[in-house]
């Protein structure tokens, strides 16, 4: 069997169509892709950074890591899996990864299932049903994180969930006191046919003081009577052993694997990054979990009405010549 030594433009375009479906803070889509010396590079787009919401670029690296995982899936689905090197160039730290061809092989059943979930995955910010998430589904999510060398802590029991919720609400209050943060958030709310940002229809109902978990102010819709959020949500925290830029990129890959596994299991997920964005809250969260390493994302998981993916830019708009 002949092993390809370079990727082609067709390989790049096909894989980027999957990569752009990754999640990002405020749907800012902070990634770019290019073919260079037969390899595919994923880079942070400096024009799409969020200085108020993401001054350390943590969220940009998580997002690009998630896009990298989708890129890997797209290549594997096409029978051209890749070898990946994280942060390959000490002189260009905006390049988060470089992919070169590995030995060709058919996609595995898991890769095919996760690839099929890419266009279906979305953040579901609406109230979920109170049905408990089945043990088998929880196990699959934990194993998905472990497959990417991360950990996923299921927060079990009302006191533990209340503790994580209070940390999250306190972090949200800190963020909302920042005028620049509020202005930046408002700038990514969309009411038209834009290909980025969060449409008001996908923002979920506006938050209310009695909500257990905080909501970002994307939605303007008031909820109907009796449509409160679930009182006992399944909350999970994704973490990684370290918190270097390379660790954050790897955590983004793990996050996307968990999200696609949840989609394949017909679960709805919304992400709460507020306690990660505020350093003091992040450390409180780590201590509350009793975990080594760094929390990288808080998730609310359950069963709900199907949502719809938010718009994405066309692959041609994010590929550099």
Protein backbone atom coordinates (compact mmCIF):
# COMPACT_ATOMS: atom_id res chain seq x y z
CA UNK A 1 0.00 0.00 0.00
CA UNK A 2 1.34 3.40 -0.98
CA UNK A 3 1.47 5.90 1.88
CA UNK A 4 0.81 9.49 0.86
CA UNK A 5 3.50 11.92 1.94
CA UNK A 6 1.48 15.10 1.45
CA UNK A 7 -2.10 16.27 1.76
CA UNK A 8 -3.82 17.77 -1.26
CA UNK A 9 -6.03 20.81 -1.64
CA UNK A 10 -9.02 18.46 -1.86
CA UNK A 11 -8.02 16.86 1.46
CA UNK A 12 -7.83 20.31 3.03
CA UNK A 13 -11.20 21.53 1.73
CA UNK A 14 -13.04 18.37 2.74
CA UNK A 15 -11.61 18.35 6.26
CA UNK A 16 -12.11 22.08 6.85
CA UNK A 17 -15.82 21.69 6.05
CA UNK A 18 -15.95 19.53 9.19
CA UNK A 19 -13.53 21.65 11.22
CA UNK A 20 -15.58 24.86 10.98
CA UNK A 21 -18.47 23.17 12.81
CA UNK A 22 -16.49 23.27 16.06
CA UNK A 23 -17.80 25.41 18.95
CA UNK A 24 -16.20 28.70 19.94
CA UNK A 25 -16.81 31.39 22.54
CA UNK A 26 -19.61 33.66 21.22
CA UNK A 27 -19.35 31.67 17.95
CA UNK A 28 -16.39 33.88 17.07
CA UNK A 29 -14.76 31.09 14.97
CA UNK A 30 -11.14 32.11 15.70
CA UNK A 31 -9.41 29.70 13.29
CA UNK A 32 -7.65 29.60 9.97
CA UNK A 33 -6.29 26.70 7.90
CA UNK A 34 -3.70 26.36 5.20
CA UNK A 35 -1.77 23.80 3.17
CA UNK A 36 1.96 24.23 3.70
CA UNK A 37 4.69 21.88 2.47
CA UNK A 38 2.15 19.08 2.10
CA UNK A 39 0.82 19.43 5.64
CA UNK A 40 -2.30 21.11 7.02
CA UNK A 41 -1.86 23.84 9.62
CA UNK A 42 -4.44 25.16 12.05
CA UNK A 43 -3.87 28.68 13.33
CA UNK A 44 -5.50 31.19 15.65
CA UNK A 45 -7.05 34.05 13.68
CA UNK A 46 -5.77 37.21 15.42
CA UNK A 47 -8.62 39.24 13.91
CA UNK A 48 -11.21 37.16 15.78
CA UNK A 49 -9.88 37.30 19.30
CA UNK A 50 -12.02 38.50 22.21
CA UNK A 51 -9.87 40.88 24.29
CA UNK A 52 -12.47 41.44 27.01
CA UNK A 53 -13.84 37.90 27.27
CA UNK A 54 -10.62 36.00 26.51
CA UNK A 55 -7.56 38.12 27.36
CA UNK A 56 -5.30 35.05 27.79
CA UNK A 57 -6.47 33.38 24.54
CA UNK A 58 -7.56 30.31 26.53
CA UNK A 59 -10.91 30.17 24.71
CA UNK A 60 -9.26 30.64 21.30
CA UNK A 61 -6.96 27.68 21.97
CA UNK A 62 -9.84 25.52 23.23
CA UNK A 63 -11.84 26.39 20.10
CA UNK A 64 -8.96 25.69 17.74
CA UNK A 65 -8.38 22.39 19.54
CA UNK A 66 -12.02 21.47 18.93
CA UNK A 67 -11.65 22.42 15.27
CA UNK A 68 -8.49 20.31 15.14
CA UNK A 69 -10.42 17.28 16.40
CA UNK A 70 -13.05 17.76 13.69
CA UNK A 71 -10.26 18.12 11.13
CA UNK A 72 -8.79 14.82 12.31
CA UNK A 73 -12.18 13.17 11.96
CA UNK A 74 -12.72 14.56 8.48
CA UNK A 75 -9.36 13.21 7.31
CA UNK A 76 -9.90 9.85 8.99
CA UNK A 77 -13.37 9.53 7.46
CA UNK A 78 -11.80 10.09 4.03
CA UNK A 79 -9.32 7.28 4.69
CA UNK A 80 -6.35 9.61 5.14
CA UNK A 81 -5.74 9.85 8.91
CA UNK A 82 -3.18 12.33 10.12
CA UNK A 83 -0.31 12.54 12.51
CA UNK A 84 -0.63 15.68 14.64
CA UNK A 85 2.01 17.91 16.18
CA UNK A 86 0.77 20.55 18.63
CA UNK A 87 2.41 24.01 18.46
CA UNK A 88 5.02 22.92 15.93
CA UNK A 89 6.83 26.24 15.49
CA UNK A 90 8.48 28.00 18.45
CA UNK A 91 8.74 31.10 16.25
CA UNK A 92 5.01 31.17 15.36
CA UNK A 93 2.84 30.38 18.35
CA UNK A 94 -0.38 31.27 16.53
CA UNK A 95 -0.02 27.94 14.67
CA UNK A 96 -1.72 25.54 17.07
CA UNK A 97 -1.12 22.32 15.12
CA UNK A 98 0.36 20.78 12.00
CA UNK A 99 -1.06 17.59 10.47
CA UNK A 100 0.79 15.30 8.07
CA UNK A 101 -0.50 12.08 6.47
CA UNK A 102 -0.32 8.85 8.41
CA UNK A 103 -0.74 5.31 7.05
CA UNK A 104 -4.02 5.10 5.09
CA UNK A 105 -6.79 2.98 6.60
CA UNK A 106 -10.58 2.82 6.67
CA UNK A 107 -12.30 4.91 9.32
CA UNK A 108 -13.20 3.02 12.49
CA UNK A 109 -16.87 2.64 13.50
CA UNK A 110 -16.33 5.21 16.27
CA UNK A 111 -14.79 7.70 13.85
CA UNK A 112 -17.71 7.25 11.46
CA UNK A 113 -20.24 7.78 14.26
CA UNK A 114 -18.48 10.90 15.55
CA UNK A 115 -18.08 12.29 12.05
CA UNK A 116 -21.81 11.83 11.43
CA UNK A 117 -22.51 13.79 14.63
CA UNK A 118 -20.54 16.88 13.50
CA UNK A 119 -23.36 18.62 11.56
CA UNK A 120 -25.89 17.79 14.31
CA UNK A 121 -23.96 19.07 17.32
CA UNK A 122 -25.13 22.36 18.80
CA UNK A 123 -25.31 24.11 22.15
CA UNK A 124 -28.80 23.64 23.55
CA UNK A 125 -29.50 26.56 25.90
CA UNK A 126 -33.19 25.76 26.37
CA UNK A 127 -34.64 24.00 29.44
CA UNK A 128 -34.11 20.25 29.41
CA UNK A 129 -36.35 17.42 30.56
CA UNK A 130 -35.86 16.23 34.15
CA UNK A 131 -35.12 12.63 33.05
CA UNK A 132 -31.80 11.42 34.50
CA UNK A 133 -29.03 10.70 32.02
CA UNK A 134 -28.57 6.97 31.71
CA UNK A 135 -25.48 5.38 33.29
CA UNK A 136 -24.29 3.96 29.96
CA UNK A 137 -24.35 7.42 28.38
CA UNK A 138 -22.43 8.91 31.30
CA UNK A 139 -19.81 6.19 30.95
CA UNK A 140 -19.43 6.94 27.23
CA UNK A 141 -18.78 10.62 27.96
CA UNK A 142 -16.15 9.82 30.60
CA UNK A 143 -14.44 7.40 28.21
CA UNK A 144 -14.53 9.99 25.40
CA UNK A 145 -12.57 12.43 27.58
CA UNK A 146 -10.14 9.71 28.64
CA UNK A 147 -9.49 8.77 25.01
CA UNK A 148 -8.00 12.26 24.55
CA UNK A 149 -6.02 12.11 27.83
CA UNK A 150 -8.45 14.38 29.67
CA UNK A 151 -10.80 13.77 32.59
CA UNK A 152 -14.52 14.35 32.93
CA UNK A 153 -15.93 14.71 36.43
CA UNK A 154 -19.65 14.10 36.83
CA UNK A 155 -20.88 16.35 39.65
CA UNK A 156 -23.12 14.05 41.66
CA UNK A 157 -25.53 15.06 44.42
CA UNK A 158 -27.47 18.23 45.15
CA UNK A 159 -24.84 19.79 47.49
CA UNK A 160 -22.04 19.30 44.94
CA UNK A 161 -24.15 20.69 42.10
CA UNK A 162 -25.14 23.67 44.27
CA UNK A 163 -21.47 24.36 45.00
CA UNK A 164 -20.52 24.34 41.31
CA UNK A 165 -23.58 26.45 40.49
CA UNK A 166 -22.67 29.08 43.08
CA UNK A 167 -19.10 29.28 41.76
CA UNK A 168 -20.52 29.70 38.24
CA UNK A 169 -23.01 32.39 39.27
CA UNK A 170 -20.32 34.31 41.17
CA UNK A 171 -18.02 34.19 38.12
CA UNK A 172 -20.85 35.39 35.91
CA UNK A 173 -21.46 38.34 38.24
CA UNK A 174 -17.77 39.28 38.05
CA UNK A 175 -17.85 39.21 34.25
CA UNK A 176 -21.07 41.19 33.99
CA UNK A 177 -19.63 44.02 36.10
CA UNK A 178 -17.12 44.65 33.30
CA UNK A 179 -18.42 47.21 30.79
CA UNK A 180 -16.03 46.00 28.06
CA UNK A 181 -17.17 42.40 28.55
CA UNK A 182 -20.85 43.34 28.25
CA UNK A 183 -20.20 45.41 25.12
CA UNK A 184 -18.18 42.62 23.51
CA UNK A 185 -20.88 40.06 24.27
CA UNK A 186 -23.59 42.30 22.81
CA UNK A 187 -21.49 42.73 19.70
CA UNK A 188 -21.69 38.98 18.96
CA UNK A 189 -25.48 38.69 19.26
CA UNK A 190 -27.04 38.36 15.80
CA UNK A 191 -30.55 39.07 14.53
CA UNK A 192 -29.94 38.64 10.79
CA UNK A 193 -28.31 36.13 8.46
CA UNK A 194 -24.73 36.55 9.69
CA UNK A 195 -22.37 33.58 9.43
CA UNK A 196 -20.90 34.07 12.90
CA UNK A 197 -22.05 35.16 16.35
CA UNK A 198 -25.01 33.77 18.29
CA UNK A 199 -28.48 34.24 16.75
CA UNK A 200 -31.03 35.36 19.31
CA UNK A 201 -33.10 32.28 18.44
CA UNK A 202 -30.25 30.04 19.62
CA UNK A 203 -29.49 32.08 22.72
CA UNK A 204 -32.13 30.44 24.88
CA UNK A 205 -34.58 32.26 27.11
CA UNK A 206 -33.33 35.18 29.14
CA UNK A 207 -31.97 34.27 32.54
CA UNK A 208 -33.93 34.87 35.72
CA UNK A 209 -32.67 35.37 39.29
CA UNK A 210 -33.89 31.97 40.52
CA UNK A 211 -32.01 29.99 37.82
CA UNK A 212 -29.53 27.50 39.23
CA UNK A 213 -26.92 28.02 36.49
CA UNK A 214 -26.04 31.34 34.85
CA UNK A 215 -27.08 32.23 31.31
CA UNK A 216 -25.25 34.59 29.03
CA UNK A 217 -27.36 37.46 27.75
CA UNK A 218 -27.75 36.11 24.21
CA UNK A 219 -31.48 35.54 24.43
CA UNK A 220 -34.13 38.20 24.73
CA UNK A 221 -37.10 35.85 24.85
CA UNK A 222 -38.91 35.52 28.16
CA UNK A 223 -39.84 31.97 29.01
CA UNK A 224 -43.37 30.70 29.11
CA UNK A 225 -44.94 29.88 32.51
CA UNK A 226 -43.79 26.49 33.73
CA UNK A 227 -40.69 26.50 31.50
CA UNK A 228 -38.09 26.91 34.22
CA UNK A 229 -34.77 25.19 33.82
CA UNK A 230 -34.38 21.72 35.28
CA UNK A 231 -33.84 21.84 39.09
CA UNK A 232 -31.30 18.98 39.13
CA UNK A 233 -29.24 19.14 35.94
CA UNK A 234 -26.40 16.77 35.19
CA UNK A 235 -23.30 18.95 35.49
CA UNK A 236 -19.92 17.73 34.28
CA UNK A 237 -16.50 19.37 34.35
CA UNK A 238 -13.85 18.61 31.75
CA UNK A 239 -10.26 18.99 32.85
CA UNK A 240 -6.72 18.32 31.77
CA UNK A 241 -3.55 17.43 33.65
CA UNK A 242 -1.87 20.74 32.82
CA UNK A 243 -2.81 24.22 31.71
CA UNK A 244 -0.10 25.25 29.25
CA UNK A 245 -1.16 26.53 25.82
CA UNK A 246 -0.48 23.05 24.40
CA UNK A 247 -2.59 21.50 27.19
CA UNK A 248 -5.47 23.84 26.36
CA UNK A 249 -5.33 22.85 22.68
CA UNK A 250 -5.39 19.18 23.71
CA UNK A 251 -8.30 19.90 26.07
CA UNK A 252 -10.18 21.44 23.14
CA UNK A 253 -9.82 18.16 21.27
CA UNK A 254 -11.14 16.29 24.29
CA UNK A 255 -14.04 18.71 24.64
CA UNK A 256 -15.11 18.16 21.05
CA UNK A 257 -14.88 14.39 21.40
CA UNK A 258 -17.14 14.58 24.46
CA UNK A 259 -19.62 16.90 22.69
CA UNK A 260 -19.83 14.66 19.61
CA UNK A 261 -20.21 11.57 21.78
CA UNK A 262 -23.07 13.31 23.58
CA UNK A 263 -24.68 14.20 20.25
CA UNK A 264 -24.36 10.59 19.09
CA UNK A 265 -26.05 9.51 22.35
CA UNK A 266 -28.96 11.95 21.65
CA UNK A 267 -28.00 14.15 24.57
CA UNK A 268 -28.31 17.94 24.70
CA UNK A 269 -25.38 19.95 26.04
CA UNK A 270 -24.72 23.58 26.83
CA UNK A 271 -21.35 24.92 27.96
CA UNK A 272 -20.67 27.28 30.85
CA UNK A 273 -17.20 28.76 30.60
CA UNK A 274 -17.75 31.62 33.07
CA UNK A 275 -16.07 29.78 35.98
CA UNK A 276 -13.09 29.05 33.72
CA UNK A 277 -12.81 32.66 32.52
CA UNK A 278 -12.42 34.03 36.07
CA UNK A 279 -9.13 32.76 37.60
CA UNK A 280 -10.32 32.79 41.22
CA UNK A 281 -13.50 30.90 40.31
CA UNK A 282 -11.49 28.36 38.33
CA UNK A 283 -9.30 27.59 41.33
CA UNK A 284 -12.37 27.35 43.58
CA UNK A 285 -13.85 24.89 41.09
CA UNK A 286 -10.69 22.78 41.08
CA UNK A 287 -10.63 22.68 44.88
CA UNK A 288 -14.34 21.81 45.04
CA UNK A 289 -13.75 18.86 42.72
CA UNK A 290 -10.62 17.75 44.55
CA UNK A 291 -8.87 17.24 41.22
CA UNK A 292 -5.29 17.72 40.12
CA UNK A 293 -4.89 19.58 36.86
CA UNK A 294 -6.99 22.38 35.46
CA UNK A 295 -10.75 22.55 34.81
CA UNK A 296 -11.29 23.54 31.17
CA UNK A 297 -15.08 23.57 30.71
CA UNK A 298 -18.31 23.15 32.67
CA UNK A 299 -21.18 21.45 30.87
CA UNK A 300 -24.89 21.01 31.49
CA UNK A 301 -26.12 17.73 30.01
CA UNK A 302 -29.54 16.13 29.59
CA UNK A 303 -32.39 15.34 27.25
CA UNK A 304 -34.24 18.04 25.39
CA UNK A 305 -35.90 19.13 22.21
CA UNK A 306 -33.49 19.06 19.23
CA UNK A 307 -31.73 22.35 18.73
CA UNK A 308 -30.21 23.76 15.57
CA UNK A 309 -26.57 24.49 14.79
CA UNK A 310 -25.54 28.13 14.63
CA UNK A 311 -24.24 29.46 11.28
CA UNK A 312 -20.63 29.05 10.20
CA UNK A 313 -18.45 30.80 7.69
CA UNK A 314 -17.77 28.95 4.44
CA UNK A 315 -14.56 26.92 4.31
CA UNK A 316 -13.23 29.22 1.57
CA UNK A 317 -13.42 32.11 4.04
CA UNK A 318 -11.05 30.44 6.52
CA UNK A 319 -8.52 28.80 4.18
CA UNK A 320 -5.38 30.78 3.38
CA UNK A 321 -3.84 30.37 -0.04
